[in-house]
């Protein structure tokens, strides 16, 4: 079984950085800014090529958390004017 190891680092003036190594060898990094902004990055296990990084809004952050927790989300289409 893969041992879950989450590392935490305080980023003075910015917020907090959390890193999680996955069983596949990738590293997931979450930066939680004091402003409420969250960034997520995924680094490849071989260290080759760029990491993928994106900023999440409050709604996106909540949606990703729910999806990872297995919560069912029902999407509704609305008409645009």
PDB file of N, CA and C in Angstrom:
ATOM      1  N   UNK A   1       0.840  -1.180   0.000  1.00  0.00           N
ATOM      2  CA  UNK A   1       0.000   0.000   0.000  1.00  0.00           C
ATOM      3  C   UNK A   1       0.886   1.244   0.000  1.00  0.00           C
ATOM      4  N   UNK A   2       0.504   2.242  -0.796  1.00  0.00           N
ATOM      5  CA  UNK A   2       1.239   3.506  -0.899  1.00  0.00           C
ATOM      6  C   UNK A   2       0.996   4.330   0.358  1.00  0.00           C
ATOM      7  N   UNK A   3       2.069   4.766   0.975  1.00  0.00           N
ATOM      8  CA  UNK A   3       1.946   5.606   2.172  1.00  0.00           C
ATOM      9  C   UNK A   3       1.673   7.041   1.749  1.00  0.00           C
ATOM     10  N   UNK A   4       0.625   7.620   2.283  1.00  0.00           N
ATOM     11  CA  UNK A   4       0.241   8.997   1.965  1.00  0.00           C
ATOM     12  C   UNK A   4       1.110   9.953   2.763  1.00  0.00           C
ATOM     13  N   UNK A   5       1.819  10.816   2.052  1.00  0.00           N
ATOM     14  CA  UNK A   5       2.715  11.765   2.696  1.00  0.00           C
ATOM     15  C   UNK A   5       2.432  13.154   2.141  1.00  0.00           C
ATOM     16  N   UNK A   6       1.807  14.010   2.948  1.00  0.00           N
ATOM     17  CA  UNK A   6       1.528  15.382   2.552  1.00  0.00           C
ATOM     18  C   UNK A   6       2.506  16.289   3.280  1.00  0.00           C
ATOM     19  N   UNK A   7       3.249  17.063   2.497  1.00  0.00           N
ATOM     20  CA  UNK A   7       4.212  17.991   3.083  1.00  0.00           C
ATOM     21  C   UNK A   7       3.614  19.395   3.089  1.00  0.00           C
ATOM     22  N   UNK A   8       3.919  20.149   4.140  1.00  0.00           N
ATOM     23  CA  UNK A   8       3.409  21.513   4.282  1.00  0.00           C
ATOM     24  C   UNK A   8       4.592  22.467   4.435  1.00  0.00           C
ATOM     25  N   UNK A   9       4.489  23.611   3.770  1.00  0.00           N
ATOM     26  CA  UNK A   9       5.501  24.656   3.911  1.00  0.00           C
ATOM     27  C   UNK A   9       4.785  25.998   3.971  1.00  0.00           C
ATOM     28  N   UNK A  10       5.037  26.754   5.027  1.00  0.00           N
ATOM     29  CA  UNK A  10       4.486  28.106   5.120  1.00  0.00           C
ATOM     30  C   UNK A  10       5.241  28.991   4.134  1.00  0.00           C
ATOM     31  N   UNK A  11       4.499  29.813   3.405  1.00  0.00           N
ATOM     32  CA  UNK A  11       5.093  30.761   2.462  1.00  0.00           C
ATOM     33  C   UNK A  11       4.823  32.164   3.000  1.00  0.00           C
ATOM     34  N   UNK A  12       5.770  32.730   3.745  1.00  0.00           N
ATOM     35  CA  UNK A  12       5.565  34.037   4.378  1.00  0.00           C
ATOM     36  C   UNK A  12       5.078  35.091   3.372  1.00  0.00           C
ATOM     37  N   UNK A  13       3.998  35.767   3.753  1.00  0.00           N
ATOM     38  CA  UNK A  13       3.427  36.805   2.911  1.00  0.00           C
ATOM     39  C   UNK A  13       2.572  36.291   1.773  1.00  0.00           C
ATOM     40  N   UNK A  14       2.549  34.976   1.558  1.00  0.00           N
ATOM     41  CA  UNK A  14       1.784  34.389   0.444  1.00  0.00           C
ATOM     42  C   UNK A  14       0.670  33.485   0.952  1.00  0.00           C
ATOM     43  N   UNK A  15       1.040  32.500   1.768  1.00  0.00           N
ATOM     44  CA  UNK A  15       0.061  31.525   2.253  1.00  0.00           C
ATOM     45  C   UNK A  15       0.749  30.221   2.609  1.00  0.00           C
ATOM     46  N   UNK A  16       0.224  29.105   2.095  1.00  0.00           N
ATOM     47  CA  UNK A  16       0.750  27.780   2.414  1.00  0.00           C
ATOM     48  C   UNK A  16       0.905  26.952   1.150  1.00  0.00           C
ATOM     49  N   UNK A  17       1.906  26.088   1.169  1.00  0.00           N
ATOM     50  CA  UNK A  17       2.164  25.166   0.061  1.00  0.00           C
ATOM     51  C   UNK A  17       2.024  23.746   0.600  1.00  0.00           C
ATOM     52  N   UNK A  18       1.276  22.916  -0.105  1.00  0.00           N
ATOM     53  CA  UNK A  18       1.091  21.519   0.260  1.00  0.00           C
ATOM     54  C   UNK A  18       1.524  20.663  -0.919  1.00  0.00           C
ATOM     55  N   UNK A  19       2.265  19.597  -0.666  1.00  0.00           N
ATOM     56  CA  UNK A  19       2.684  18.675  -1.715  1.00  0.00           C
ATOM     57  C   UNK A  19       2.301  17.254  -1.344  1.00  0.00           C
ATOM     58  N   UNK A  20       1.863  16.510  -2.341  1.00  0.00           N
ATOM     59  CA  UNK A  20       1.460  15.112  -2.168  1.00  0.00           C
ATOM     60  C   UNK A  20       2.092  14.309  -3.288  1.00  0.00           C
ATOM     61  N   UNK A  21       2.848  13.278  -2.932  1.00  0.00           N
ATOM     62  CA  UNK A  21       3.396  12.357  -3.926  1.00  0.00           C
ATOM     63  C   UNK A  21       2.386  11.248  -4.159  1.00  0.00           C
ATOM     64  N   UNK A  22       2.060  11.001  -5.428  1.00  0.00           N
ATOM     65  CA  UNK A  22       1.088   9.966  -5.759  1.00  0.00           C
ATOM     66  C   UNK A  22       1.784   8.620  -5.951  1.00  0.00           C
ATOM     67  N   UNK A  23       1.012   7.557  -5.938  1.00  0.00           N
ATOM     68  CA  UNK A  23       1.571   6.222  -6.123  1.00  0.00           C
ATOM     69  C   UNK A  23       2.152   6.047  -7.520  1.00  0.00           C
ATOM     70  N   UNK A  24       1.737   6.881  -8.489  1.00  0.00           N
ATOM     71  CA  UNK A  24       2.268   6.794  -9.851  1.00  0.00           C
ATOM     72  C   UNK A  24       3.563   7.589 -10.008  1.00  0.00           C
ATOM     73  N   UNK A  25       3.967   8.317  -8.953  1.00  0.00           N
ATOM     74  CA  UNK A  25       5.218   9.050  -8.994  1.00  0.00           C
ATOM     75  C   UNK A  25       5.069  10.531  -9.287  1.00  0.00           C
ATOM     76  N   UNK A  26       3.870  10.981  -9.613  1.00  0.00           N
ATOM     77  CA  UNK A  26       3.635  12.410  -9.837  1.00  0.00           C
ATOM     78  C   UNK A  26       3.598  13.134  -8.497  1.00  0.00           C
ATOM     79  N   UNK A  27       3.811  14.431  -8.539  1.00  0.00           N
ATOM     80  CA  UNK A  27       3.692  15.266  -7.342  1.00  0.00           C
ATOM     81  C   UNK A  27       2.610  16.304  -7.589  1.00  0.00           C
ATOM     82  N   UNK A  28       1.628  16.368  -6.694  1.00  0.00           N
ATOM     83  CA  UNK A  28       0.565  17.366  -6.771  1.00  0.00           C
ATOM     84  C   UNK A  28       0.891  18.439  -5.744  1.00  0.00           C
ATOM     85  N   UNK A  29       0.922  19.683  -6.208  1.00  0.00           N
ATOM     86  CA  UNK A  29       1.215  20.821  -5.335  1.00  0.00           C
ATOM     87  C   UNK A  29       0.011  21.746  -5.308  1.00  0.00           C
ATOM     88  N   UNK A  30      -0.407  22.143  -4.120  1.00  0.00           N
ATOM     89  CA  UNK A  30      -1.486  23.120  -3.951  1.00  0.00           C
ATOM     90  C   UNK A  30      -0.916  24.303  -3.185  1.00  0.00           C
ATOM     91  N   UNK A  31      -1.072  25.495  -3.775  1.00  0.00           N
ATOM     92  CA  UNK A  31      -0.686  26.731  -3.093  1.00  0.00           C
ATOM     93  C   UNK A  31      -1.977  27.410  -2.665  1.00  0.00           C
ATOM     94  N   UNK A  32      -2.128  27.616  -1.367  1.00  0.00           N
ATOM     95  CA  UNK A  32      -3.293  28.295  -0.809  1.00  0.00           C
ATOM     96  C   UNK A  32      -2.857  29.692  -0.392  1.00  0.00           C
ATOM     97  N   UNK A  33      -3.259  30.688  -1.190  1.00  0.00           N
ATOM     98  CA  UNK A  33      -2.856  32.072  -0.950  1.00  0.00           C
ATOM     99  C   UNK A  33      -3.707  32.696   0.157  1.00  0.00           C
ATOM    100  N   UNK A  34      -3.145  33.648   0.866  1.00  0.00           N
ATOM    101  CA  UNK A  34      -3.894  34.374   1.897  1.00  0.00           C
ATOM    102  C   UNK A  34      -5.115  35.067   1.319  1.00  0.00           C
ATOM    103  N   UNK A  35      -5.047  35.448   0.053  1.00  0.00           N
ATOM    104  CA  UNK A  35      -6.157  36.147  -0.613  1.00  0.00           C
ATOM    105  C   UNK A  35      -7.346  35.236  -0.866  1.00  0.00           C
ATOM    106  N   UNK A  36      -7.158  33.913  -0.688  1.00  0.00           N
ATOM    107  CA  UNK A  36      -8.215  32.953  -0.970  1.00  0.00           C
ATOM    108  C   UNK A  36      -7.996  32.222  -2.287  1.00  0.00           C
ATOM    109  N   UNK A  37      -7.120  32.738  -3.115  1.00  0.00           N
ATOM    110  CA  UNK A  37      -6.796  32.084  -4.389  1.00  0.00           C
ATOM    111  C   UNK A  37      -6.089  30.767  -4.124  1.00  0.00           C
ATOM    112  N   UNK A  38      -6.353  29.776  -4.956  1.00  0.00           N
ATOM    113  CA  UNK A  38      -5.666  28.497  -4.871  1.00  0.00           C
ATOM    114  C   UNK A  38      -5.101  28.150  -6.237  1.00  0.00           C
ATOM    115  N   UNK A  39      -3.875  27.651  -6.248  1.00  0.00           N
ATOM    116  CA  UNK A  39      -3.237  27.172  -7.460  1.00  0.00           C
ATOM    117  C   UNK A  39      -2.951  25.694  -7.269  1.00  0.00           C
ATOM    118  N   UNK A  40      -3.074  24.935  -8.345  1.00  0.00           N
ATOM    119  CA  UNK A  40      -2.757  23.511  -8.290  1.00  0.00           C
ATOM    120  C   UNK A  40      -1.801  23.198  -9.433  1.00  0.00           C
ATOM    121  N   UNK A  41      -0.796  22.378  -9.147  1.00  0.00           N
ATOM    122  CA  UNK A  41       0.186  21.985 -10.152  1.00  0.00           C
ATOM    123  C   UNK A  41       0.414  20.486 -10.056  1.00  0.00           C
ATOM    124  N   UNK A  42       0.638  19.866 -11.201  1.00  0.00           N
ATOM    125  CA  UNK A  42       0.953  18.443 -11.243  1.00  0.00           C
ATOM    126  C   UNK A  42       2.271  18.289 -11.994  1.00  0.00           C
ATOM    127  N   UNK A  43       3.269  17.719 -11.318  1.00  0.00           N
ATOM    128  CA  UNK A  43       4.575  17.497 -11.916  1.00  0.00           C
ATOM    129  C   UNK A  43       4.684  16.037 -12.348  1.00  0.00           C
ATOM    130  N   UNK A  44       5.247  15.829 -13.510  1.00  0.00           N
ATOM    131  CA  UNK A  44       5.420  14.480 -14.044  1.00  0.00           C
ATOM    132  C   UNK A  44       6.435  13.700 -13.223  1.00  0.00           C
ATOM    133  N   UNK A  45       6.262  12.383 -13.136  1.00  0.00           N
ATOM    134  CA  UNK A  45       7.168  11.581 -12.314  1.00  0.00           C
ATOM    135  C   UNK A  45       8.608  11.559 -12.824  1.00  0.00           C
ATOM    136  N   UNK A  46       8.802  11.689 -14.136  1.00  0.00           N
ATOM    137  CA  UNK A  46      10.155  11.621 -14.687  1.00  0.00           C
ATOM    138  C   UNK A  46      10.879  12.965 -14.647  1.00  0.00           C
ATOM    139  N   UNK A  47      10.161  14.018 -14.231  1.00  0.00           N
ATOM    140  CA  UNK A  47      10.763  15.335 -14.172  1.00  0.00           C
ATOM    141  C   UNK A  47      10.967  15.976 -15.531  1.00  0.00           C
ATOM    142  N   UNK A  48      10.591  15.266 -16.579  1.00  0.00           N
ATOM    143  CA  UNK A  48      10.735  15.776 -17.939  1.00  0.00           C
ATOM    144  C   UNK A  48       9.509  16.591 -18.316  1.00  0.00           C
ATOM    145  N   UNK A  49       9.727  17.610 -19.080  1.00  0.00           N
ATOM    146  CA  UNK A  49       8.611  18.412 -19.556  1.00  0.00           C
ATOM    147  C   UNK A  49       8.057  19.304 -18.470  1.00  0.00           C
ATOM    148  N   UNK A  50       7.190  20.210 -18.865  1.00  0.00           N
ATOM    149  CA  UNK A  50       6.639  21.176 -17.906  1.00  0.00           C
ATOM    150  C   UNK A  50       5.584  20.562 -16.993  1.00  0.00           C
ATOM    151  N   UNK A  51       5.476  21.133 -15.823  1.00  0.00           N
ATOM    152  CA  UNK A  51       4.360  20.811 -14.939  1.00  0.00           C
ATOM    153  C   UNK A  51       3.128  21.509 -15.498  1.00  0.00           C
ATOM    154  N   UNK A  52       1.979  21.033 -15.120  1.00  0.00           N
ATOM    155  CA  UNK A  52       0.727  21.677 -15.488  1.00  0.00           C
ATOM    156  C   UNK A  52       0.261  22.462 -14.272  1.00  0.00           C
ATOM    157  N   UNK A  53       0.002  23.758 -14.446  1.00  0.00           N
ATOM    158  CA  UNK A  53      -0.415  24.616 -13.345  1.00  0.00           C
ATOM    159  C   UNK A  53      -1.641  25.415 -13.750  1.00  0.00           C
ATOM    160  N   UNK A  54      -2.595  25.555 -12.838  1.00  0.00           N
ATOM    161  CA  UNK A  54      -3.764  26.378 -13.100  1.00  0.00           C
ATOM    162  C   UNK A  54      -4.245  27.017 -11.804  1.00  0.00           C
ATOM    163  N   UNK A  55      -4.894  28.162 -11.936  1.00  0.00           N
ATOM    164  CA  UNK A  55      -5.515  28.847 -10.803  1.00  0.00           C
ATOM    165  C   UNK A  55      -6.976  28.418 -10.748  1.00  0.00           C
ATOM    166  N   UNK A  56      -7.491  28.193  -9.549  1.00  0.00           N
ATOM    167  CA  UNK A  56      -8.885  27.777  -9.373  1.00  0.00           C
ATOM    168  C   UNK A  56      -9.689  28.877  -8.696  1.00  0.00           C
ATOM    169  N   UNK A  57     -10.902  29.110  -9.193  1.00  0.00           N
ATOM    170  CA  UNK A  57     -11.822  30.020  -8.511  1.00  0.00           C
ATOM    171  C   UNK A  57     -12.430  29.276  -7.325  1.00  0.00           C
ATOM    172  N   UNK A  58     -13.171  29.977  -6.483  1.00  0.00           N
ATOM    173  CA  UNK A  58     -13.839  29.332  -5.349  1.00  0.00           C
ATOM    174  C   UNK A  58     -14.753  28.212  -5.817  1.00  0.00           C
ATOM    175  N   UNK A  59     -15.542  28.468  -6.870  1.00  0.00           N
ATOM    176  CA  UNK A  59     -16.486  27.464  -7.373  1.00  0.00           C
ATOM    177  C   UNK A  59     -15.743  26.266  -7.968  1.00  0.00           C
ATOM    178  N   UNK A  60     -14.653  26.523  -8.697  1.00  0.00           N
ATOM    179  CA  UNK A  60     -13.874  25.430  -9.286  1.00  0.00           C
ATOM    180  C   UNK A  60     -13.198  24.604  -8.204  1.00  0.00           C
ATOM    181  N   UNK A  61     -12.678  25.271  -7.192  1.00  0.00           N
ATOM    182  CA  UNK A  61     -12.045  24.591  -6.069  1.00  0.00           C
ATOM    183  C   UNK A  61     -13.035  23.639  -5.402  1.00  0.00           C
ATOM    184  N   UNK A  62     -14.238  24.130  -5.131  1.00  0.00           N
ATOM    185  CA  UNK A  62     -15.272  23.306  -4.498  1.00  0.00           C
ATOM    186  C   UNK A  62     -15.680  22.150  -5.401  1.00  0.00           C
ATOM    187  N   UNK A  63     -15.811  22.403  -6.700  1.00  0.00           N
ATOM    188  CA  UNK A  63     -16.214  21.351  -7.638  1.00  0.00           C
ATOM    189  C   UNK A  63     -15.163  20.250  -7.712  1.00  0.00           C
ATOM    190  N   UNK A  64     -13.883  20.614  -7.781  1.00  0.00           N
ATOM    191  CA  UNK A  64     -12.815  19.612  -7.828  1.00  0.00           C
ATOM    192  C   UNK A  64     -12.812  18.786  -6.537  1.00  0.00           C
ATOM    193  N   UNK A  65     -12.965  19.438  -5.401  1.00  0.00           N
ATOM    194  CA  UNK A  65     -13.001  18.719  -4.125  1.00  0.00           C
ATOM    195  C   UNK A  65     -14.158  17.724  -4.095  1.00  0.00           C
ATOM    196  N   UNK A  66     -15.325  18.150  -4.564  1.00  0.00           N
ATOM    197  CA  UNK A  66     -16.484  17.251  -4.576  1.00  0.00           C
ATOM    198  C   UNK A  66     -16.270  16.090  -5.545  1.00  0.00           C
ATOM    199  N   UNK A  67     -15.720  16.372  -6.708  1.00  0.00           N
ATOM    200  CA  UNK A  67     -15.466  15.304  -7.676  1.00  0.00           C
ATOM    201  C   UNK A  67     -14.482  14.281  -7.124  1.00  0.00           C
ATOM    202  N   UNK A  68     -13.425  14.747  -6.479  1.00  0.00           N
ATOM    203  CA  UNK A  68     -12.447  13.838  -5.901  1.00  0.00           C
ATOM    204  C   UNK A  68     -13.027  13.031  -4.745  1.00  0.00           C
ATOM    205  N   UNK A  69     -14.014  13.603  -4.050  1.00  0.00           N
ATOM    206  CA  UNK A  69     -14.657  12.909  -2.931  1.00  0.00           C
ATOM    207  C   UNK A  69     -15.754  11.954  -3.407  1.00  0.00           C
ATOM    208  N   UNK A  70     -16.064  11.999  -4.711  1.00  0.00           N
ATOM    209  CA  UNK A  70     -17.072  11.088  -5.244  1.00  0.00           C
ATOM    210  C   UNK A  70     -18.489  11.608  -5.171  1.00  0.00           C
ATOM    211  N   UNK A  71     -18.644  12.909  -4.975  1.00  0.00           N
ATOM    212  CA  UNK A  71     -19.978  13.505  -4.921  1.00  0.00           C
ATOM    213  C   UNK A  71     -20.522  13.625  -6.340  1.00  0.00           C
ATOM    214  N   UNK A  72     -21.789  13.265  -6.531  1.00  0.00           N
ATOM    215  CA  UNK A  72     -22.421  13.379  -7.848  1.00  0.00           C
ATOM    216  C   UNK A  72     -22.822  14.830  -8.100  1.00  0.00           C
ATOM    217  N   UNK A  73     -22.407  15.352  -9.250  1.00  0.00           N
ATOM    218  CA  UNK A  73     -22.753  16.722  -9.625  1.00  0.00           C
ATOM    219  C   UNK A  73     -23.649  16.654 -10.852  1.00  0.00           C
ATOM    220  N   UNK A  74     -24.789  17.310 -10.777  1.00  0.00           N
ATOM    221  CA  UNK A  74     -25.711  17.356 -11.913  1.00  0.00           C
ATOM    222  C   UNK A  74     -25.557  18.703 -12.609  1.00  0.00           C
ATOM    223  N   UNK A  75     -25.233  18.653 -13.896  1.00  0.00           N
ATOM    224  CA  UNK A  75     -25.030  19.883 -14.652  1.00  0.00           C
ATOM    225  C   UNK A  75     -26.330  20.321 -15.292  1.00  0.00           C
ATOM    226  N   UNK A  76     -26.561  21.619 -15.298  1.00  0.00           N
ATOM    227  CA  UNK A  76     -27.752  22.183 -15.931  1.00  0.00           C
ATOM    228  C   UNK A  76     -27.316  23.170 -16.990  1.00  0.00           C
ATOM    229  N   UNK A  77     -27.898  23.067 -18.169  1.00  0.00           N
ATOM    230  CA  UNK A  77     -27.605  23.983 -19.257  1.00  0.00           C
ATOM    231  C   UNK A  77     -28.555  25.177 -19.159  1.00  0.00           C
ATOM    232  N   UNK A  78     -28.024  26.368 -19.322  1.00  0.00           N
ATOM    233  CA  UNK A  78     -28.860  27.549 -19.324  1.00  0.00           C
ATOM    234  C   UNK A  78     -28.659  28.289 -20.636  1.00  0.00           C
ATOM    235  N   UNK A  79     -29.705  28.953 -21.088  1.00  0.00           N
ATOM    236  CA  UNK A  79     -29.620  29.709 -22.343  1.00  0.00           C
ATOM    237  C   UNK A  79     -28.893  31.014 -22.093  1.00  0.00           C
ATOM    238  N   UNK A  80     -28.094  31.412 -23.057  1.00  0.00           N
ATOM    239  CA  UNK A  80     -27.395  32.697 -22.973  1.00  0.00           C
ATOM    240  C   UNK A  80     -28.113  33.703 -23.826  1.00  0.00           C
ATOM    241  N   UNK A  81     -28.214  34.921 -23.310  1.00  0.00           N
ATOM    242  CA  UNK A  81     -28.871  35.985 -24.086  1.00  0.00           C
ATOM    243  C   UNK A  81     -27.936  36.556 -25.105  1.00  0.00           C
TER     244      UNK A  81
END
